[in-house]
All heavy atoms as atom14 arrays in JSON, in Angstrom:
{
  "sequence": "QVVDVAAAAVRVWTRPSTHLHDRTGRMCTTVAVTLCAWTALAAG",
  "atom14_mask": [
    [1, 1, 1, 1, 1, 1, 1, 1, 1, 0, 0, 0, 0, 0],
    [1, 1, 1, 1, 1, 1, 1, 0, 0, 0, 0, 0, 0, 0],
    [1, 1, 1, 1, 1, 1, 1, 0, 0, 0, 0, 0, 0, 0],
    [1, 1, 1, 1, 1, 1, 1, 1, 0, 0, 0, 0, 0, 0],
    [1, 1, 1, 1, 1, 1, 1, 0, 0, 0, 0, 0, 0, 0],
    [1, 1, 1, 1, 1, 0, 0, 0, 0, 0, 0, 0, 0, 0],
    [1, 1, 1, 1, 1, 0, 0, 0, 0, 0, 0, 0, 0, 0],
    [1, 1, 1, 1, 1, 0, 0, 0, 0, 0, 0, 0, 0, 0],
    [1, 1, 1, 1, 1, 0, 0, 0, 0, 0, 0, 0, 0, 0],
    [1, 1, 1, 1, 1, 1, 1, 0, 0, 0, 0, 0, 0, 0],
    [1, 1, 1, 1, 1, 1, 1, 1, 1, 1, 1, 0, 0, 0],
    [1, 1, 1, 1, 1, 1, 1, 0, 0, 0, 0, 0, 0, 0],
    [1, 1, 1, 1, 1, 1, 1, 1, 1, 1, 1, 1, 1, 1],
    [1, 1, 1, 1, 1, 1, 1, 0, 0, 0, 0, 0, 0, 0],
    [1, 1, 1, 1, 1, 1, 1, 1, 1, 1, 1, 0, 0, 0],
    [1, 1, 1, 1, 1, 1, 1, 0, 0, 0, 0, 0, 0, 0],
    [1, 1, 1, 1, 1, 1, 0, 0, 0, 0, 0, 0, 0, 0],
    [1, 1, 1, 1, 1, 1, 1, 0, 0, 0, 0, 0, 0, 0],
    [1, 1, 1, 1, 1, 1, 1, 1, 1, 1, 0, 0, 0, 0],
    [1, 1, 1, 1, 1, 1, 1, 1, 0, 0, 0, 0, 0, 0],
    [1, 1, 1, 1, 1, 1, 1, 1, 1, 1, 0, 0, 0, 0],
    [1, 1, 1, 1, 1, 1, 1, 1, 0, 0, 0, 0, 0, 0],
    [1, 1, 1, 1, 1, 1, 1, 1, 1, 1, 1, 0, 0, 0],
    [1, 1, 1, 1, 1, 1, 1, 0, 0, 0, 0, 0, 0, 0],
    [1, 1, 1, 1, 0, 0, 0, 0, 0, 0, 0, 0, 0, 0],
    [1, 1, 1, 1, 1, 1, 1, 1, 1, 1, 1, 0, 0, 0],
    [1, 1, 1, 1, 1, 1, 1, 1, 0, 0, 0, 0, 0, 0],
    [1, 1, 1, 1, 1, 1, 0, 0, 0, 0, 0, 0, 0, 0],
    [1, 1, 1, 1, 1, 1, 1, 0, 0, 0, 0, 0, 0, 0],
    [1, 1, 1, 1, 1, 1, 1, 0, 0, 0, 0, 0, 0, 0],
    [1, 1, 1, 1, 1, 1, 1, 0, 0, 0, 0, 0, 0, 0],
    [1, 1, 1, 1, 1, 0, 0, 0, 0, 0, 0, 0, 0, 0],
    [1, 1, 1, 1, 1, 1, 1, 0, 0, 0, 0, 0, 0, 0],
    [1, 1, 1, 1, 1, 1, 1, 0, 0, 0, 0, 0, 0, 0],
    [1, 1, 1, 1, 1, 1, 1, 1, 0, 0, 0, 0, 0, 0],
    [1, 1, 1, 1, 1, 1, 0, 0, 0, 0, 0, 0, 0, 0],
    [1, 1, 1, 1, 1, 0, 0, 0, 0, 0, 0, 0, 0, 0],
    [1, 1, 1, 1, 1, 1, 1, 1, 1, 1, 1, 1, 1, 1],
    [1, 1, 1, 1, 1, 1, 1, 0, 0, 0, 0, 0, 0, 0],
    [1, 1, 1, 1, 1, 0, 0, 0, 0, 0, 0, 0, 0, 0],
    [1, 1, 1, 1, 1, 1, 1, 1, 0, 0, 0, 0, 0, 0],
    [1, 1, 1, 1, 1, 0, 0, 0, 0, 0, 0, 0, 0, 0],
    [1, 1, 1, 1, 1, 0, 0, 0, 0, 0, 0, 0, 0, 0],
    [1, 1, 1, 1, 0, 0, 0, 0, 0, 0, 0, 0, 0, 0]
  ],
  "atom14_positions": [
    [[-25.68, 116.36, 141.67], [-25.22, 117.39, 140.72], [-25.45, 116.98, 139.33], [-25.8, 117.79, 138.47], [-23.73, 117.78, 140.96], [-23.46, 118.56, 142.2], [-23.53, 117.78, 143.48], [-23.55, 116.57, 143.46], [-23.59, 118.47, 144.6], [0.0, 0.0, 0.0], [0.0, 0.0, 0.0], [0.0, 0.0, 0.0], [0.0, 0.0, 0.0], [0.0, 0.0, 0.0]],
    [[-25.19, 115.68, 139.03], [-25.34, 115.18, 137.67], [-26.83, 115.26, 137.23], [-27.12, 115.74, 136.16], [-24.81, 113.77, 137.55], [-25.22, 113.17, 136.21], [-23.32, 113.69, 137.7], [0.0, 0.0, 0.0], [0.0, 0.0, 0.0], [0.0, 0.0, 0.0], [0.0, 0.0, 0.0], [0.0, 0.0, 0.0], [0.0, 0.0, 0.0], [0.0, 0.0, 0.0]],
    [[-27.71, 114.9, 138.11], [-29.13, 114.96, 137.82], [-29.59, 116.39, 137.64], [-30.32, 116.7, 136.67], [-29.95, 114.25, 138.92], [-31.42, 114.49, 138.72], [-29.59, 112.79, 138.99], [0.0, 0.0, 0.0], [0.0, 0.0, 0.0], [0.0, 0.0, 0.0], [0.0, 0.0, 0.0], [0.0, 0.0, 0.0], [0.0, 0.0, 0.0], [0.0, 0.0, 0.0]],
    [[-29.18, 117.3, 138.52], [-29.58, 118.69, 138.4], [-29.07, 119.33, 137.15], [-29.75, 120.01, 136.4], [-29.06, 119.47, 139.65], [-29.77, 119.05, 140.89], [-30.86, 118.47, 140.81], [-29.26, 119.37, 141.99], [0.0, 0.0, 0.0], [0.0, 0.0, 0.0], [0.0, 0.0, 0.0], [0.0, 0.0, 0.0], [0.0, 0.0, 0.0], [0.0, 0.0, 0.0]],
    [[-27.76, 119.06, 136.79], [-27.19, 119.65, 135.63], [-27.84, 119.11, 134.39], [-28.14, 119.85, 133.4], [-25.65, 119.4, 135.59], [-25.08, 119.77, 134.26], [-24.94, 120.17, 136.67], [0.0, 0.0, 0.0], [0.0, 0.0, 0.0], [0.0, 0.0, 0.0], [0.0, 0.0, 0.0], [0.0, 0.0, 0.0], [0.0, 0.0, 0.0], [0.0, 0.0, 0.0]],
    [[-28.08, 117.83, 134.33], [-28.73, 117.2, 133.18], [-30.12, 117.8, 132.94], [-30.54, 118.11, 131.83], [-28.81, 115.69, 133.3], [0.0, 0.0, 0.0], [0.0, 0.0, 0.0], [0.0, 0.0, 0.0], [0.0, 0.0, 0.0], [0.0, 0.0, 0.0], [0.0, 0.0, 0.0], [0.0, 0.0, 0.0], [0.0, 0.0, 0.0], [0.0, 0.0, 0.0]],
    [[-30.88, 117.94, 134.02], [-32.23, 118.51, 133.94], [-32.18, 119.99, 133.44], [-33.0, 120.41, 132.58], [-32.94, 118.45, 135.25], [0.0, 0.0, 0.0], [0.0, 0.0, 0.0], [0.0, 0.0, 0.0], [0.0, 0.0, 0.0], [0.0, 0.0, 0.0], [0.0, 0.0, 0.0], [0.0, 0.0, 0.0], [0.0, 0.0, 0.0], [0.0, 0.0, 0.0]],
    [[-31.22, 120.75, 133.96], [-31.05, 122.12, 133.53], [-30.65, 122.23, 132.11], [-31.1, 123.12, 131.36], [-30.07, 122.83, 134.43], [0.0, 0.0, 0.0], [0.0, 0.0, 0.0], [0.0, 0.0, 0.0], [0.0, 0.0, 0.0], [0.0, 0.0, 0.0], [0.0, 0.0, 0.0], [0.0, 0.0, 0.0], [0.0, 0.0, 0.0], [0.0, 0.0, 0.0]],
    [[-29.76, 121.28, 131.63], [-29.34, 121.3, 130.24], [-30.51, 121.04, 129.3], [-30.62, 121.62, 128.26], [-28.22, 120.25, 130.01], [0.0, 0.0, 0.0], [0.0, 0.0, 0.0], [0.0, 0.0, 0.0], [0.0, 0.0, 0.0], [0.0, 0.0, 0.0], [0.0, 0.0, 0.0], [0.0, 0.0, 0.0], [0.0, 0.0, 0.0], [0.0, 0.0, 0.0]],
    [[-31.39, 120.12, 129.69], [-32.59, 119.87, 128.86], [-33.43, 121.13, 128.71], [-33.95, 121.42, 127.61], [-33.4, 118.69, 129.48], [-34.76, 118.59, 128.74], [-32.66, 117.4, 129.35], [0.0, 0.0, 0.0], [0.0, 0.0, 0.0], [0.0, 0.0, 0.0], [0.0, 0.0, 0.0], [0.0, 0.0, 0.0], [0.0, 0.0, 0.0], [0.0, 0.0, 0.0]],
    [[-33.58, 121.86, 129.84], [-34.38, 123.05, 129.8], [-33.76, 124.09, 128.88], [-34.43, 124.82, 128.11], [-34.57, 123.62, 131.19], [-35.47, 122.81, 132.06], [-35.9, 123.6, 133.27], [-34.77, 123.93, 134.13], [-34.33, 123.15, 135.12], [-34.9, 121.97, 135.4], [-33.27, 123.49, 135.87], [0.0, 0.0, 0.0], [0.0, 0.0, 0.0], [0.0, 0.0, 0.0]],
    [[-32.43, 124.23, 128.91], [-31.71, 125.19, 128.06], [-31.9, 124.81, 126.62], [-32.03, 125.68, 125.71], [-30.26, 125.31, 128.49], [-29.48, 126.2, 127.51], [-30.15, 125.86, 129.9], [0.0, 0.0, 0.0], [0.0, 0.0, 0.0], [0.0, 0.0, 0.0], [0.0, 0.0, 0.0], [0.0, 0.0, 0.0], [0.0, 0.0, 0.0], [0.0, 0.0, 0.0]],
    [[-31.76, 123.49, 126.29], [-31.95, 123.06, 124.88], [-33.3, 123.28, 124.39], [-33.49, 123.7, 123.27], [-31.61, 121.58, 124.78], [-30.17, 121.25, 124.65], [-29.31, 120.76, 125.57], [-29.36, 121.38, 123.41], [-28.05, 120.59, 125.06], [-27.99, 120.93, 123.77], [-29.64, 121.82, 122.17], [-27.0, 120.96, 122.82], [-28.58, 121.84, 121.2], [-27.33, 121.44, 121.52]],
    [[-34.34, 123.0, 125.2], [-35.7, 123.11, 124.73], [-36.21, 124.55, 124.75], [-37.03, 124.95, 123.91], [-36.67, 122.21, 125.59], [-36.48, 122.58, 127.0], [-36.3, 120.81, 125.39], [0.0, 0.0, 0.0], [0.0, 0.0, 0.0], [0.0, 0.0, 0.0], [0.0, 0.0, 0.0], [0.0, 0.0, 0.0], [0.0, 0.0, 0.0], [0.0, 0.0, 0.0]],
    [[-35.79, 125.32, 125.73], [-36.25, 126.73, 125.85], [-35.07, 127.66, 126.13], [-34.87, 128.13, 127.26], [-37.3, 126.91, 126.95], [-38.6, 126.18, 126.64], [-39.67, 126.53, 127.66], [-40.97, 125.97, 127.29], [-42.07, 126.14, 128.05], [-42.0, 126.89, 129.06], [-43.19, 125.56, 127.62], [0.0, 0.0, 0.0], [0.0, 0.0, 0.0], [0.0, 0.0, 0.0]],
    [[-34.27, 127.94, 125.12], [-33.09, 128.76, 125.34], [-33.49, 130.2, 125.66], [-34.53, 130.69, 125.19], [-32.28, 128.67, 124.04], [-33.37, 128.3, 122.99], [-34.35, 127.45, 123.77], [0.0, 0.0, 0.0], [0.0, 0.0, 0.0], [0.0, 0.0, 0.0], [0.0, 0.0, 0.0], [0.0, 0.0, 0.0], [0.0, 0.0, 0.0], [0.0, 0.0, 0.0]],
    [[-32.69, 130.89, 126.41], [-32.95, 132.27, 126.79], [-32.92, 133.14, 125.5], [-32.09, 132.88, 124.59], [-31.98, 132.76, 127.79], [-32.03, 131.97, 128.99], [0.0, 0.0, 0.0], [0.0, 0.0, 0.0], [0.0, 0.0, 0.0], [0.0, 0.0, 0.0], [0.0, 0.0, 0.0], [0.0, 0.0, 0.0], [0.0, 0.0, 0.0], [0.0, 0.0, 0.0]],
    [[-33.67, 134.18, 125.5], [-33.71, 135.06, 124.32], [-32.33, 135.69, 124.01], [-31.97, 135.76, 122.82], [-34.73, 136.23, 124.54], [-35.96, 135.61, 124.9], [-34.86, 137.07, 123.29], [0.0, 0.0, 0.0], [0.0, 0.0, 0.0], [0.0, 0.0, 0.0], [0.0, 0.0, 0.0], [0.0, 0.0, 0.0], [0.0, 0.0, 0.0], [0.0, 0.0, 0.0]],
    [[-31.61, 136.06, 125.02], [-30.29, 136.66, 124.77], [-29.26, 135.72, 124.22], [-28.17, 136.12, 123.83], [-29.76, 137.38, 126.05], [-29.39, 136.39, 127.1], [-30.29, 135.7, 127.91], [-28.16, 135.93, 127.52], [-29.65, 134.9, 128.73], [-28.34, 135.03, 128.53], [0.0, 0.0, 0.0], [0.0, 0.0, 0.0], [0.0, 0.0, 0.0], [0.0, 0.0, 0.0]],
    [[-29.61, 134.4, 124.27], [-28.68, 133.4, 123.74], [-29.05, 132.95, 122.33], [-28.4, 132.06, 121.82], [-28.67, 132.17, 124.68], [-28.02, 132.4, 126.05], [-28.1, 131.11, 126.87], [-26.54, 132.85, 125.9], [0.0, 0.0, 0.0], [0.0, 0.0, 0.0], [0.0, 0.0, 0.0], [0.0, 0.0, 0.0], [0.0, 0.0, 0.0], [0.0, 0.0, 0.0]],
    [[-30.09, 133.53, 121.79], [-30.56, 133.11, 120.45], [-29.5, 133.53, 119.39], [-29.14, 134.68, 119.23], [-31.83, 133.78, 120.06], [-32.99, 133.17, 120.76], [-34.33, 133.58, 120.62], [-33.05, 131.98, 121.6], [-35.09, 132.81, 121.38], [-34.38, 131.87, 121.95], [0.0, 0.0, 0.0], [0.0, 0.0, 0.0], [0.0, 0.0, 0.0], [0.0, 0.0, 0.0]],
    [[-29.01, 132.55, 118.67], [-28.12, 132.75, 117.53], [-28.77, 132.04, 116.34], [-28.6, 130.9, 116.12], [-26.71, 132.1, 117.83], [-25.74, 132.27, 116.65], [-26.09, 133.02, 115.7], [-24.7, 131.59, 116.66], [0.0, 0.0, 0.0], [0.0, 0.0, 0.0], [0.0, 0.0, 0.0], [0.0, 0.0, 0.0], [0.0, 0.0, 0.0], [0.0, 0.0, 0.0]],
    [[-29.56, 132.87, 115.65], [-30.44, 132.28, 114.61], [-29.61, 131.7, 113.5], [-29.91, 130.56, 112.97], [-31.44, 133.31, 114.09], [-32.44, 133.67, 115.14], [-33.18, 134.94, 114.83], [-34.09, 135.29, 115.89], [-34.54, 136.48, 116.12], [-34.27, 137.5, 115.3], [-35.41, 136.74, 117.13], [0.0, 0.0, 0.0], [0.0, 0.0, 0.0], [0.0, 0.0, 0.0]],
    [[-28.52, 132.34, 113.05], [-27.72, 131.78, 112.02], [-27.04, 130.48, 112.46], [-27.12, 129.47, 111.77], [-26.61, 132.8, 111.59], [-27.27, 133.94, 111.05], [-25.69, 132.15, 110.55], [0.0, 0.0, 0.0], [0.0, 0.0, 0.0], [0.0, 0.0, 0.0], [0.0, 0.0, 0.0], [0.0, 0.0, 0.0], [0.0, 0.0, 0.0], [0.0, 0.0, 0.0]],
    [[-26.54, 130.48, 113.7], [-25.97, 129.23, 114.26], [-26.98, 128.13, 114.38], [-26.68, 126.97, 114.17], [0.0, 0.0, 0.0], [0.0, 0.0, 0.0], [0.0, 0.0, 0.0], [0.0, 0.0, 0.0], [0.0, 0.0, 0.0], [0.0, 0.0, 0.0], [0.0, 0.0, 0.0], [0.0, 0.0, 0.0], [0.0, 0.0, 0.0], [0.0, 0.0, 0.0]],
    [[-28.15, 128.52, 114.79], [-29.23, 127.53, 114.99], [-29.58, 126.85, 113.65], [-29.78, 125.67, 113.56], [-30.52, 128.23, 115.57], [-31.71, 127.36, 115.76], [-31.44, 126.23, 116.76], [-31.2, 124.95, 116.07], [-30.73, 123.93, 116.65], [-30.47, 123.91, 117.95], [-30.5, 122.8, 115.98], [0.0, 0.0, 0.0], [0.0, 0.0, 0.0], [0.0, 0.0, 0.0]],
    [[-29.77, 127.64, 112.59], [-30.06, 127.13, 111.3], [-28.92, 126.24, 110.74], [-29.15, 125.14, 110.14], [-30.41, 128.26, 110.3], [-31.76, 128.87, 110.55], [-32.23, 130.1, 109.32], [-31.17, 131.47, 109.71], [0.0, 0.0, 0.0], [0.0, 0.0, 0.0], [0.0, 0.0, 0.0], [0.0, 0.0, 0.0], [0.0, 0.0, 0.0], [0.0, 0.0, 0.0]],
    [[-27.68, 126.65, 110.96], [-26.53, 125.86, 110.56], [-26.55, 124.5, 111.3], [-26.31, 123.4, 110.68], [-25.22, 126.55, 110.8], [-24.86, 127.87, 109.61], [0.0, 0.0, 0.0], [0.0, 0.0, 0.0], [0.0, 0.0, 0.0], [0.0, 0.0, 0.0], [0.0, 0.0, 0.0], [0.0, 0.0, 0.0], [0.0, 0.0, 0.0], [0.0, 0.0, 0.0]],
    [[-26.85, 124.54, 112.61], [-26.88, 123.32, 113.37], [-28.04, 122.44, 112.87], [-27.85, 121.17, 112.78], [-27.11, 123.64, 114.84], [-26.04, 124.51, 115.31], [-27.19, 122.39, 115.66], [0.0, 0.0, 0.0], [0.0, 0.0, 0.0], [0.0, 0.0, 0.0], [0.0, 0.0, 0.0], [0.0, 0.0, 0.0], [0.0, 0.0, 0.0], [0.0, 0.0, 0.0]],
    [[-29.13, 123.01, 112.5], [-30.26, 122.22, 112.04], [-29.91, 121.5, 110.75], [-30.16, 120.34, 110.55], [-31.51, 123.1, 111.82], [-32.01, 123.57, 113.06], [-32.6, 122.36, 111.02], [0.0, 0.0, 0.0], [0.0, 0.0, 0.0], [0.0, 0.0, 0.0], [0.0, 0.0, 0.0], [0.0, 0.0, 0.0], [0.0, 0.0, 0.0], [0.0, 0.0, 0.0]],
    [[-29.3, 122.24, 109.78], [-28.88, 121.67, 108.56], [-27.9, 120.49, 108.71], [-27.98, 119.45, 108.12], [-28.33, 122.71, 107.59], [-27.76, 122.12, 106.33], [-29.38, 123.8, 107.24], [0.0, 0.0, 0.0], [0.0, 0.0, 0.0], [0.0, 0.0, 0.0], [0.0, 0.0, 0.0], [0.0, 0.0, 0.0], [0.0, 0.0, 0.0], [0.0, 0.0, 0.0]],
    [[-26.96, 120.77, 109.63], [-25.93, 119.71, 109.91], [-26.52, 118.5, 110.61], [-26.29, 117.36, 110.23], [-24.79, 120.29, 110.76], [0.0, 0.0, 0.0], [0.0, 0.0, 0.0], [0.0, 0.0, 0.0], [0.0, 0.0, 0.0], [0.0, 0.0, 0.0], [0.0, 0.0, 0.0], [0.0, 0.0, 0.0], [0.0, 0.0, 0.0], [0.0, 0.0, 0.0]],
    [[-27.3, 118.74, 111.7], [-27.91, 117.64, 112.44], [-28.87, 116.88, 111.59], [-28.95, 115.59, 111.6], [-28.63, 118.2, 113.69], [-29.47, 117.09, 114.36], [-27.59, 118.72, 114.71], [0.0, 0.0, 0.0], [0.0, 0.0, 0.0], [0.0, 0.0, 0.0], [0.0, 0.0, 0.0], [0.0, 0.0, 0.0], [0.0, 0.0, 0.0], [0.0, 0.0, 0.0]],
    [[-29.65, 117.61, 110.77], [-30.63, 116.88, 109.92], [-29.89, 115.98, 108.88], [-30.37, 114.86, 108.62], [-31.51, 117.91, 109.19], [-32.17, 118.71, 110.17], [-32.59, 117.19, 108.32], [0.0, 0.0, 0.0], [0.0, 0.0, 0.0], [0.0, 0.0, 0.0], [0.0, 0.0, 0.0], [0.0, 0.0, 0.0], [0.0, 0.0, 0.0], [0.0, 0.0, 0.0]],
    [[-28.82, 116.46, 108.32], [-28.08, 115.57, 107.41], [-27.56, 114.35, 108.12], [-27.67, 113.24, 107.55], [-26.87, 116.37, 106.83], [-25.94, 115.58, 105.9], [-26.72, 115.12, 104.68], [-24.76, 116.38, 105.49], [0.0, 0.0, 0.0], [0.0, 0.0, 0.0], [0.0, 0.0, 0.0], [0.0, 0.0, 0.0], [0.0, 0.0, 0.0], [0.0, 0.0, 0.0]],
    [[-27.01, 114.49, 109.34], [-26.49, 113.32, 110.08], [-27.68, 112.37, 110.37], [-27.5, 111.15, 110.14], [-25.81, 113.76, 111.33], [-24.33, 114.7, 111.06], [0.0, 0.0, 0.0], [0.0, 0.0, 0.0], [0.0, 0.0, 0.0], [0.0, 0.0, 0.0], [0.0, 0.0, 0.0], [0.0, 0.0, 0.0], [0.0, 0.0, 0.0], [0.0, 0.0, 0.0]],
    [[-28.79, 112.93, 110.9], [-29.94, 112.07, 111.2], [-30.53, 111.43, 109.93], [-30.87, 110.24, 109.96], [-30.95, 112.85, 111.94], [0.0, 0.0, 0.0], [0.0, 0.0, 0.0], [0.0, 0.0, 0.0], [0.0, 0.0, 0.0], [0.0, 0.0, 0.0], [0.0, 0.0, 0.0], [0.0, 0.0, 0.0], [0.0, 0.0, 0.0], [0.0, 0.0, 0.0]],
    [[-30.61, 112.21, 108.88], [-31.18, 111.69, 107.63], [-30.27, 110.56, 107.07], [-30.81, 109.55, 106.56], [-31.3, 112.83, 106.62], [-31.83, 112.32, 105.3], [-33.16, 112.2, 104.96], [-31.1, 111.8, 104.17], [-33.24, 111.66, 103.66], [-32.01, 111.41, 103.17], [-29.73, 111.62, 103.97], [-31.59, 110.84, 101.94], [-29.3, 111.05, 102.72], [-30.28, 110.71, 101.72]],
    [[-28.98, 110.71, 107.18], [-28.06, 109.68, 106.68], [-28.3, 108.38, 107.47], [-28.27, 107.29, 106.92], [-26.58, 110.12, 106.87], [-26.38, 111.36, 106.14], [-25.64, 109.08, 106.34], [0.0, 0.0, 0.0], [0.0, 0.0, 0.0], [0.0, 0.0, 0.0], [0.0, 0.0, 0.0], [0.0, 0.0, 0.0], [0.0, 0.0, 0.0], [0.0, 0.0, 0.0]],
    [[-28.46, 108.51, 108.8], [-28.76, 107.29, 109.61], [-30.11, 106.69, 109.19], [-30.22, 105.46, 109.06], [-28.79, 107.66, 111.06], [0.0, 0.0, 0.0], [0.0, 0.0, 0.0], [0.0, 0.0, 0.0], [0.0, 0.0, 0.0], [0.0, 0.0, 0.0], [0.0, 0.0, 0.0], [0.0, 0.0, 0.0], [0.0, 0.0, 0.0], [0.0, 0.0, 0.0]],
    [[-31.12, 107.53, 108.97], [-32.42, 107.09, 108.53], [-32.36, 106.41, 107.17], [-32.95, 105.37, 106.91], [-33.42, 108.22, 108.51], [-33.81, 108.8, 109.9], [-34.62, 110.07, 109.73], [-34.59, 107.74, 110.71], [0.0, 0.0, 0.0], [0.0, 0.0, 0.0], [0.0, 0.0, 0.0], [0.0, 0.0, 0.0], [0.0, 0.0, 0.0], [0.0, 0.0, 0.0]],
    [[-31.61, 107.05, 106.24], [-31.42, 106.48, 104.92], [-30.7, 105.16, 104.95], [-31.08, 104.23, 104.23], [-30.66, 107.52, 104.05], [0.0, 0.0, 0.0], [0.0, 0.0, 0.0], [0.0, 0.0, 0.0], [0.0, 0.0, 0.0], [0.0, 0.0, 0.0], [0.0, 0.0, 0.0], [0.0, 0.0, 0.0], [0.0, 0.0, 0.0], [0.0, 0.0, 0.0]],
    [[-29.69, 105.03, 105.85], [-28.98, 103.74, 105.96], [-29.91, 102.66, 106.42], [-29.92, 101.54, 105.93], [-27.8, 103.9, 106.97], [0.0, 0.0, 0.0], [0.0, 0.0, 0.0], [0.0, 0.0, 0.0], [0.0, 0.0, 0.0], [0.0, 0.0, 0.0], [0.0, 0.0, 0.0], [0.0, 0.0, 0.0], [0.0, 0.0, 0.0], [0.0, 0.0, 0.0]],
    [[-30.79, 103.0, 107.42], [-31.72, 102.03, 107.9], [-32.78, 101.72, 106.81], [-33.18, 100.52, 106.69], [0.0, 0.0, 0.0], [0.0, 0.0, 0.0], [0.0, 0.0, 0.0], [0.0, 0.0, 0.0], [0.0, 0.0, 0.0], [0.0, 0.0, 0.0], [0.0, 0.0, 0.0], [0.0, 0.0, 0.0], [0.0, 0.0, 0.0], [0.0, 0.0, 0.0]]
  ]
}
């Protein structure tokens, strides 16, 4: 079950269904995730 769920989660992250598209939420997530990742990159 863990393997199946993990594989399915990867598919949902990479190719989300059209009816689940939240463009505003996606852009907010991108801005937030990029800041966190950029901070780690900048620290390095």
